[in-house]
Amino acid sequence: ESRSASPRRQETIPVGCLRVMQAHLCVVYLAAGLFKAMGRQWWNGEAIWQTVNQPVFRTFDLTWMARHPWVPMLAGWATLVVEIGYAFLIWPRRTRRAWAIAAIGLHLGVGLFMGLVFFSSVMILLTCALFLIPEKVQEEVQEVQRVQEPAVA
């Protein structure tokens, strides 16, 4: 089938699959962020405080945050900004890399402070594979196409 398929069709199917996966990941982040934003625990830092102090998630002693409540509050706000903003700011090229780094940082924090290493690794992998690597591959393909184009006399 690939021999009879037009070059346009061969190019469109993988790009279509990539877009579906990218959109799906954006919906996941947006839904998670909006759900969190509906509760006051993410705005006042309580969600962060309770999570990092539960025995099942506790990887470090973070009880010092009780004396500095602004730290979990800012962490909660940052989580909301990264998750809700992901759906909108991962698409434009100008903000893609910065937002991917923010999402990677969020998940490095989740892995480090909650011990959810597998979950964090999967989310980092998805962001890299769906948004950072395709951009690099696309740039390389465009460079190859420029080199292969015959000179116009």
N, C-alpha and C. Protein backbone atom coordinates (compact mmCIF):
# COMPACT_ATOMS: atom_id res chain seq x y z
N GLU A 1 0.82 -1.20 0.00
CA GLU A 1 0.00 0.00 0.00
C GLU A 1 0.86 1.25 0.00
N SER A 2 2.00 1.19 0.67
CA SER A 2 2.82 2.39 0.76
C SER A 2 3.37 2.79 -0.60
N ARG A 3 3.56 1.80 -1.52
CA ARG A 3 4.05 2.14 -2.85
C ARG A 3 2.99 2.86 -3.66
N SER A 4 1.73 2.49 -3.46
CA SER A 4 0.67 3.11 -4.24
C SER A 4 0.16 4.40 -3.60
N ALA A 5 0.48 4.61 -2.35
CA ALA A 5 0.01 5.83 -1.67
C ALA A 5 0.84 7.01 -2.15
N SER A 6 0.16 8.14 -2.30
CA SER A 6 0.85 9.34 -2.76
C SER A 6 1.77 9.85 -1.65
N PRO A 7 2.81 10.60 -2.04
CA PRO A 7 3.70 11.16 -1.01
C PRO A 7 2.94 12.04 -0.02
N ARG A 8 1.93 12.75 -0.49
CA ARG A 8 1.12 13.60 0.39
C ARG A 8 0.42 12.75 1.45
N ARG A 9 -0.15 11.61 1.05
CA ARG A 9 -0.85 10.73 1.99
C ARG A 9 0.14 10.14 3.00
N GLN A 10 1.30 9.73 2.54
CA GLN A 10 2.31 9.18 3.44
C GLN A 10 2.72 10.20 4.49
N GLU A 11 2.76 11.47 4.13
CA GLU A 11 3.16 12.52 5.06
C GLU A 11 2.01 12.90 5.99
N THR A 12 0.77 12.86 5.51
CA THR A 12 -0.38 13.33 6.27
C THR A 12 -0.76 12.38 7.40
N ILE A 13 -0.72 11.09 7.20
CA ILE A 13 -1.14 10.15 8.22
C ILE A 13 -0.29 10.27 9.48
N PRO A 14 1.04 10.25 9.40
CA PRO A 14 1.82 10.41 10.63
C PRO A 14 1.60 11.76 11.30
N VAL A 15 1.47 12.82 10.53
CA VAL A 15 1.24 14.14 11.11
C VAL A 15 -0.13 14.17 11.78
N GLY A 16 -1.12 13.54 11.17
CA GLY A 16 -2.45 13.47 11.78
C GLY A 16 -2.43 12.73 13.10
N CYS A 17 -1.71 11.62 13.14
CA CYS A 17 -1.59 10.86 14.39
C CYS A 17 -0.87 11.68 15.46
N LEU A 18 0.17 12.37 15.07
CA LEU A 18 0.91 13.23 16.00
C LEU A 18 -0.01 14.30 16.57
N ARG A 19 -0.81 14.93 15.72
CA ARG A 19 -1.71 16.00 16.19
C ARG A 19 -2.76 15.45 17.17
N VAL A 20 -3.26 14.26 16.91
CA VAL A 20 -4.25 13.66 17.83
C VAL A 20 -3.61 13.42 19.19
N MET A 21 -2.39 12.89 19.21
CA MET A 21 -1.70 12.64 20.47
C MET A 21 -1.37 13.95 21.19
N GLN A 22 -0.93 14.96 20.43
CA GLN A 22 -0.64 16.26 21.03
C GLN A 22 -1.90 16.86 21.65
N ALA A 23 -2.99 16.81 20.91
CA ALA A 23 -4.25 17.36 21.42
C ALA A 23 -4.70 16.60 22.67
N HIS A 24 -4.54 15.30 22.65
CA HIS A 24 -4.93 14.49 23.81
C HIS A 24 -4.12 14.89 25.05
N LEU A 25 -2.83 15.05 24.90
CA LEU A 25 -2.00 15.45 26.04
C LEU A 25 -2.40 16.83 26.55
N CYS A 26 -2.73 17.73 25.64
CA CYS A 26 -3.18 19.07 26.04
C CYS A 26 -4.49 19.00 26.81
N VAL A 27 -5.41 18.16 26.38
CA VAL A 27 -6.68 17.99 27.10
C VAL A 27 -6.43 17.43 28.50
N VAL A 28 -5.51 16.49 28.61
CA VAL A 28 -5.18 15.91 29.92
C VAL A 28 -4.68 17.00 30.87
N TYR A 29 -3.73 17.81 30.40
CA TYR A 29 -3.20 18.88 31.25
C TYR A 29 -4.27 19.92 31.58
N LEU A 30 -5.04 20.33 30.58
CA LEU A 30 -6.07 21.34 30.81
C LEU A 30 -7.12 20.84 31.80
N ALA A 31 -7.58 19.61 31.63
CA ALA A 31 -8.59 19.06 32.54
C ALA A 31 -8.04 18.96 33.96
N ALA A 32 -6.79 18.50 34.10
CA ALA A 32 -6.19 18.40 35.43
C ALA A 32 -6.06 19.77 36.08
N GLY A 33 -5.61 20.75 35.30
CA GLY A 33 -5.45 22.10 35.84
C GLY A 33 -6.76 22.75 36.21
N LEU A 34 -7.77 22.63 35.36
CA LEU A 34 -9.08 23.23 35.65
C LEU A 34 -9.73 22.57 36.86
N PHE A 35 -9.59 21.25 36.95
CA PHE A 35 -10.15 20.54 38.10
C PHE A 35 -9.49 21.03 39.39
N LYS A 36 -8.18 21.18 39.37
CA LYS A 36 -7.47 21.67 40.55
C LYS A 36 -7.87 23.11 40.87
N ALA A 37 -8.04 23.92 39.84
CA ALA A 37 -8.37 25.34 40.04
C ALA A 37 -9.74 25.54 40.67
N MET A 38 -10.60 24.55 40.57
CA MET A 38 -11.95 24.68 41.16
C MET A 38 -11.93 24.57 42.68
N GLY A 39 -10.86 24.02 43.24
CA GLY A 39 -10.77 23.89 44.69
C GLY A 39 -9.85 24.94 45.27
N ARG A 40 -10.14 25.41 46.43
CA ARG A 40 -9.30 26.45 47.04
C ARG A 40 -7.96 25.91 47.53
N GLN A 41 -7.84 24.58 47.69
CA GLN A 41 -6.62 23.98 48.21
C GLN A 41 -5.40 24.25 47.33
N TRP A 42 -5.60 24.41 46.04
CA TRP A 42 -4.48 24.69 45.14
C TRP A 42 -4.12 26.17 45.14
N TRP A 43 -5.06 27.02 45.54
CA TRP A 43 -4.81 28.46 45.58
C TRP A 43 -4.12 28.87 46.88
N ASN A 44 -4.44 28.19 47.97
CA ASN A 44 -3.86 28.60 49.26
C ASN A 44 -2.67 27.73 49.69
N GLY A 45 -2.29 26.73 48.88
CA GLY A 45 -1.12 25.92 49.17
C GLY A 45 -1.40 24.66 49.97
N GLU A 46 -2.64 24.51 50.42
CA GLU A 46 -3.00 23.35 51.25
C GLU A 46 -2.77 22.03 50.51
N ALA A 47 -3.07 22.00 49.22
CA ALA A 47 -2.90 20.75 48.45
C ALA A 47 -1.43 20.32 48.42
N ILE A 48 -0.54 21.28 48.22
CA ILE A 48 0.89 20.96 48.23
C ILE A 48 1.33 20.51 49.62
N TRP A 49 0.93 21.27 50.63
CA TRP A 49 1.30 20.95 52.01
C TRP A 49 0.85 19.55 52.40
N GLN A 50 -0.42 19.23 52.13
CA GLN A 50 -0.94 17.92 52.51
C GLN A 50 -0.26 16.79 51.73
N THR A 51 -0.01 17.03 50.46
CA THR A 51 0.60 15.98 49.63
C THR A 51 2.01 15.64 50.09
N VAL A 52 2.85 16.65 50.27
CA VAL A 52 4.25 16.36 50.62
C VAL A 52 4.42 15.90 52.06
N ASN A 53 3.35 15.99 52.86
CA ASN A 53 3.44 15.53 54.24
C ASN A 53 2.68 14.23 54.49
N GLN A 54 2.09 13.65 53.46
CA GLN A 54 1.47 12.33 53.61
C GLN A 54 2.58 11.28 53.63
N PRO A 55 2.49 10.33 54.54
CA PRO A 55 3.55 9.31 54.63
C PRO A 55 3.79 8.57 53.32
N VAL A 56 2.76 8.33 52.54
CA VAL A 56 2.92 7.57 51.30
C VAL A 56 3.73 8.34 50.26
N PHE A 57 3.67 9.68 50.27
CA PHE A 57 4.38 10.50 49.29
C PHE A 57 5.64 11.15 49.85
N ARG A 58 5.83 11.09 51.12
CA ARG A 58 6.90 11.85 51.77
C ARG A 58 8.28 11.29 51.44
N THR A 59 9.05 12.05 50.67
CA THR A 59 10.42 11.65 50.34
C THR A 59 11.44 12.50 51.09
N PHE A 60 11.03 13.68 51.52
CA PHE A 60 11.89 14.60 52.27
C PHE A 60 11.08 15.18 53.42
N ASP A 61 11.76 15.65 54.43
CA ASP A 61 11.09 16.34 55.52
C ASP A 61 10.87 17.79 55.11
N LEU A 62 9.64 18.12 54.77
CA LEU A 62 9.30 19.46 54.33
C LEU A 62 8.43 20.20 55.35
N THR A 63 8.52 19.78 56.60
CA THR A 63 7.71 20.44 57.64
C THR A 63 8.10 21.89 57.83
N TRP A 64 9.28 22.29 57.38
CA TRP A 64 9.71 23.69 57.46
C TRP A 64 8.75 24.62 56.71
N MET A 65 8.00 24.06 55.75
CA MET A 65 7.06 24.90 54.99
C MET A 65 5.94 25.44 55.86
N ALA A 66 5.72 24.85 57.03
CA ALA A 66 4.69 25.37 57.94
C ALA A 66 5.06 26.79 58.39
N ARG A 67 6.34 27.09 58.45
CA ARG A 67 6.79 28.43 58.84
C ARG A 67 6.82 29.39 57.66
N HIS A 68 6.72 28.85 56.44
CA HIS A 68 6.77 29.66 55.22
C HIS A 68 5.62 29.26 54.30
N PRO A 69 4.39 29.60 54.67
CA PRO A 69 3.23 29.13 53.89
C PRO A 69 3.18 29.66 52.46
N TRP A 70 3.94 30.67 52.16
CA TRP A 70 3.97 31.21 50.80
C TRP A 70 4.63 30.22 49.83
N VAL A 71 5.49 29.33 50.31
CA VAL A 71 6.17 28.38 49.43
C VAL A 71 5.18 27.38 48.82
N PRO A 72 4.37 26.67 49.64
CA PRO A 72 3.40 25.77 49.02
C PRO A 72 2.33 26.52 48.22
N MET A 73 2.02 27.75 48.64
CA MET A 73 1.03 28.53 47.89
C MET A 73 1.57 28.84 46.49
N LEU A 74 2.81 29.29 46.39
CA LEU A 74 3.41 29.56 45.08
C LEU A 74 3.55 28.28 44.25
N ALA A 75 3.87 27.17 44.91
CA ALA A 75 3.96 25.89 44.20
C ALA A 75 2.60 25.49 43.62
N GLY A 76 1.54 25.74 44.39
CA GLY A 76 0.19 25.46 43.90
C GLY A 76 -0.16 26.33 42.71
N TRP A 77 0.14 27.62 42.81
CA TRP A 77 -0.13 28.54 41.69
C TRP A 77 0.66 28.14 40.45
N ALA A 78 1.93 27.79 40.66
CA ALA A 78 2.77 27.39 39.53
C ALA A 78 2.22 26.14 38.85
N THR A 79 1.75 25.20 39.66
CA THR A 79 1.15 23.98 39.10
C THR A 79 -0.04 24.33 38.23
N LEU A 80 -0.91 25.21 38.72
CA LEU A 80 -2.09 25.62 37.95
C LEU A 80 -1.69 26.32 36.65
N VAL A 81 -0.74 27.22 36.74
CA VAL A 81 -0.30 27.96 35.55
C VAL A 81 0.29 27.01 34.51
N VAL A 82 1.15 26.11 34.95
CA VAL A 82 1.79 25.18 34.00
C VAL A 82 0.75 24.26 33.37
N GLU A 83 -0.13 23.69 34.18
CA GLU A 83 -1.10 22.73 33.63
C GLU A 83 -2.13 23.39 32.74
N ILE A 84 -2.70 24.50 33.16
CA ILE A 84 -3.72 25.17 32.32
C ILE A 84 -3.06 25.82 31.11
N GLY A 85 -1.91 26.44 31.32
CA GLY A 85 -1.22 27.09 30.21
C GLY A 85 -0.68 26.13 29.17
N TYR A 86 -0.42 24.89 29.57
CA TYR A 86 0.14 23.89 28.66
C TYR A 86 -0.69 23.78 27.38
N ALA A 87 -2.00 23.71 27.54
CA ALA A 87 -2.88 23.50 26.40
C ALA A 87 -2.81 24.63 25.37
N PHE A 88 -2.39 25.80 25.81
CA PHE A 88 -2.37 26.96 24.92
C PHE A 88 -0.95 27.39 24.53
N LEU A 89 0.01 27.23 25.43
CA LEU A 89 1.34 27.77 25.20
C LEU A 89 2.37 26.76 24.72
N ILE A 90 1.97 25.50 24.59
CA ILE A 90 2.89 24.50 24.05
C ILE A 90 2.84 24.51 22.51
N TRP A 91 1.79 25.08 21.93
CA TRP A 91 1.63 25.08 20.48
C TRP A 91 2.49 26.12 19.76
N PRO A 92 2.48 27.39 20.19
CA PRO A 92 3.30 28.38 19.45
C PRO A 92 4.79 28.08 19.58
N ARG A 93 5.50 28.21 18.50
CA ARG A 93 6.94 27.93 18.52
C ARG A 93 7.69 28.82 19.51
N ARG A 94 7.24 30.06 19.64
CA ARG A 94 7.95 31.00 20.53
C ARG A 94 7.89 30.58 21.98
N THR A 95 6.82 29.92 22.39
CA THR A 95 6.66 29.53 23.80
C THR A 95 6.82 28.03 24.04
N ARG A 96 6.92 27.25 22.99
CA ARG A 96 6.93 25.79 23.11
C ARG A 96 8.05 25.27 24.01
N ARG A 97 9.26 25.68 23.73
CA ARG A 97 10.39 25.16 24.49
C ARG A 97 10.30 25.56 25.97
N ALA A 98 9.96 26.82 26.22
CA ALA A 98 9.84 27.28 27.61
C ALA A 98 8.74 26.52 28.35
N TRP A 99 7.62 26.30 27.67
CA TRP A 99 6.52 25.59 28.34
C TRP A 99 6.84 24.12 28.54
N ALA A 100 7.54 23.53 27.60
CA ALA A 100 7.97 22.14 27.77
C ALA A 100 8.93 22.04 28.96
N ILE A 101 9.83 22.99 29.09
CA ILE A 101 10.76 22.99 30.22
C ILE A 101 10.00 23.17 31.53
N ALA A 102 8.98 24.03 31.53
CA ALA A 102 8.16 24.21 32.74
C ALA A 102 7.44 22.92 33.12
N ALA A 103 6.89 22.22 32.12
CA ALA A 103 6.19 20.96 32.39
C ALA A 103 7.18 19.89 32.87
N ILE A 104 8.35 19.87 32.27
CA ILE A 104 9.38 18.91 32.70
C ILE A 104 9.79 19.22 34.14
N GLY A 105 9.96 20.49 34.45
CA GLY A 105 10.29 20.88 35.83
C GLY A 105 9.21 20.48 36.82
N LEU A 106 7.95 20.68 36.43
CA LEU A 106 6.84 20.28 37.28
C LEU A 106 6.92 18.79 37.60
N HIS A 107 7.17 17.99 36.58
CA HIS A 107 7.20 16.54 36.79
C HIS A 107 8.48 16.06 37.46
N LEU A 108 9.56 16.79 37.29
CA LEU A 108 10.75 16.46 38.07
C LEU A 108 10.46 16.69 39.55
N GLY A 109 9.73 17.76 39.85
CA GLY A 109 9.33 18.02 41.23
C GLY A 109 8.40 16.95 41.77
N VAL A 110 7.45 16.53 40.97
CA VAL A 110 6.53 15.46 41.39
C VAL A 110 7.31 14.17 41.66
N GLY A 111 8.23 13.85 40.76
CA GLY A 111 9.04 12.64 40.95
C GLY A 111 9.93 12.72 42.18
N LEU A 112 10.52 13.88 42.38
CA LEU A 112 11.45 14.05 43.50
C LEU A 112 10.74 14.15 44.84
N PHE A 113 9.70 14.97 44.91
CA PHE A 113 9.06 15.25 46.20
C PHE A 113 7.90 14.32 46.55
N MET A 114 7.40 13.59 45.55
CA MET A 114 6.30 12.65 45.83
C MET A 114 6.70 11.21 45.57
N GLY A 115 7.84 10.99 44.95
CA GLY A 115 8.28 9.64 44.65
C GLY A 115 7.54 8.99 43.49
N LEU A 116 6.78 9.78 42.72
CA LEU A 116 6.04 9.23 41.58
C LEU A 116 6.92 9.26 40.34
N VAL A 117 7.98 8.48 40.38
CA VAL A 117 9.00 8.51 39.33
C VAL A 117 8.47 8.00 38.00
N PHE A 118 7.72 6.91 38.01
CA PHE A 118 7.21 6.35 36.76
C PHE A 118 6.24 7.32 36.08
N PHE A 119 5.27 7.82 36.84
CA PHE A 119 4.31 8.79 36.29
C PHE A 119 5.04 10.00 35.72
N SER A 120 5.96 10.55 36.50
CA SER A 120 6.70 11.73 36.06
C SER A 120 7.50 11.44 34.80
N SER A 121 8.13 10.29 34.75
CA SER A 121 8.93 9.91 33.58
C SER A 121 8.07 9.80 32.33
N VAL A 122 6.89 9.22 32.47
CA VAL A 122 5.98 9.08 31.33
C VAL A 122 5.53 10.46 30.83
N MET A 123 5.19 11.35 31.74
CA MET A 123 4.73 12.68 31.34
C MET A 123 5.86 13.47 30.68
N ILE A 124 7.06 13.36 31.20
CA ILE A 124 8.21 14.03 30.58
C ILE A 124 8.47 13.45 29.20
N LEU A 125 8.42 12.14 29.10
CA LEU A 125 8.63 11.46 27.82
C LEU A 125 7.59 11.91 26.79
N LEU A 126 6.33 11.97 27.20
CA LEU A 126 5.28 12.39 26.27
C LEU A 126 5.49 13.82 25.78
N THR A 127 5.83 14.72 26.68
CA THR A 127 6.06 16.10 26.26
C THR A 127 7.23 16.18 25.28
N CYS A 128 8.31 15.50 25.60
CA CYS A 128 9.48 15.52 24.71
C CYS A 128 9.17 14.88 23.36
N ALA A 129 8.55 13.71 23.39
CA ALA A 129 8.28 12.96 22.15
C ALA A 129 7.24 13.64 21.27
N LEU A 130 6.26 14.29 21.88
CA LEU A 130 5.18 14.86 21.09
C LEU A 130 5.40 16.32 20.71
N PHE A 131 6.20 17.04 21.46
CA PHE A 131 6.35 18.46 21.16
C PHE A 131 7.77 18.91 20.87
N LEU A 132 8.77 18.33 21.48
CA LEU A 132 10.14 18.79 21.25
C LEU A 132 10.82 18.06 20.11
N ILE A 133 10.72 16.74 20.09
CA ILE A 133 11.40 15.95 19.05
C ILE A 133 10.79 16.20 17.67
N PRO A 134 9.44 16.24 17.51
CA PRO A 134 8.89 16.48 16.17
C PRO A 134 9.37 17.80 15.57
N GLU A 135 9.55 18.82 16.39
CA GLU A 135 10.04 20.10 15.90
C GLU A 135 11.45 19.95 15.34
N LYS A 136 12.30 19.22 16.05
CA LYS A 136 13.68 19.00 15.62
C LYS A 136 13.69 18.18 14.32
N VAL A 137 12.87 17.14 14.25
CA VAL A 137 12.80 16.30 13.05
C VAL A 137 12.30 17.13 11.87
N GLN A 138 11.30 17.96 12.11
CA GLN A 138 10.74 18.80 11.05
C GLN A 138 11.81 19.75 10.51
N GLU A 139 12.59 20.36 11.40
CA GLU A 139 13.67 21.25 10.96
C GLU A 139 14.69 20.49 10.12
N GLU A 140 15.03 19.27 10.52
CA GLU A 140 16.00 18.47 9.77
C GLU A 140 15.45 18.09 8.41
N VAL A 141 14.17 17.74 8.32
CA VAL A 141 13.54 17.39 7.04
C VAL A 141 13.55 18.59 6.12
N GLN A 142 13.23 19.77 6.65
CA GLN A 142 13.24 20.98 5.83
C GLN A 142 14.64 21.28 5.32
N GLU A 143 15.66 21.05 6.13
CA GLU A 143 17.05 21.26 5.72
C GLU A 143 17.42 20.30 4.60
N VAL A 144 17.03 19.03 4.72
CA VAL A 144 17.31 18.05 3.67
C VAL A 144 16.60 18.43 2.38
N GLN A 145 15.36 18.90 2.48
CA GLN A 145 14.61 19.30 1.30
C GLN A 145 15.28 20.49 0.59
N ARG A 146 15.80 21.43 1.38
CA ARG A 146 16.50 22.58 0.79
C ARG A 146 17.74 22.13 0.03
N VAL A 147 18.47 21.19 0.60
CA VAL A 147 19.69 20.70 -0.04
C VAL A 147 19.37 19.93 -1.31
N GLN A 148 18.25 19.18 -1.32
CA GLN A 148 17.90 18.34 -2.45
C GLN A 148 17.21 19.10 -3.57
N GLU A 149 16.71 20.31 -3.31
CA GLU A 149 16.01 21.08 -4.35
C GLU A 149 17.00 21.45 -5.44
N PRO A 150 16.59 21.23 -6.71
CA PRO A 150 17.48 21.61 -7.81
C PRO A 150 17.57 23.13 -7.91
N ALA A 151 18.73 23.59 -8.28
CA ALA A 151 18.92 25.04 -8.44
C ALA A 151 18.12 25.52 -9.63
N VAL A 152 17.43 26.62 -9.45
CA VAL A 152 16.64 27.20 -10.54
C VAL A 152 17.53 28.16 -11.31
N ALA A 153 17.64 27.93 -12.62
CA ALA A 153 18.53 28.76 -13.42
C ALA A 153 17.84 29.97 -13.98
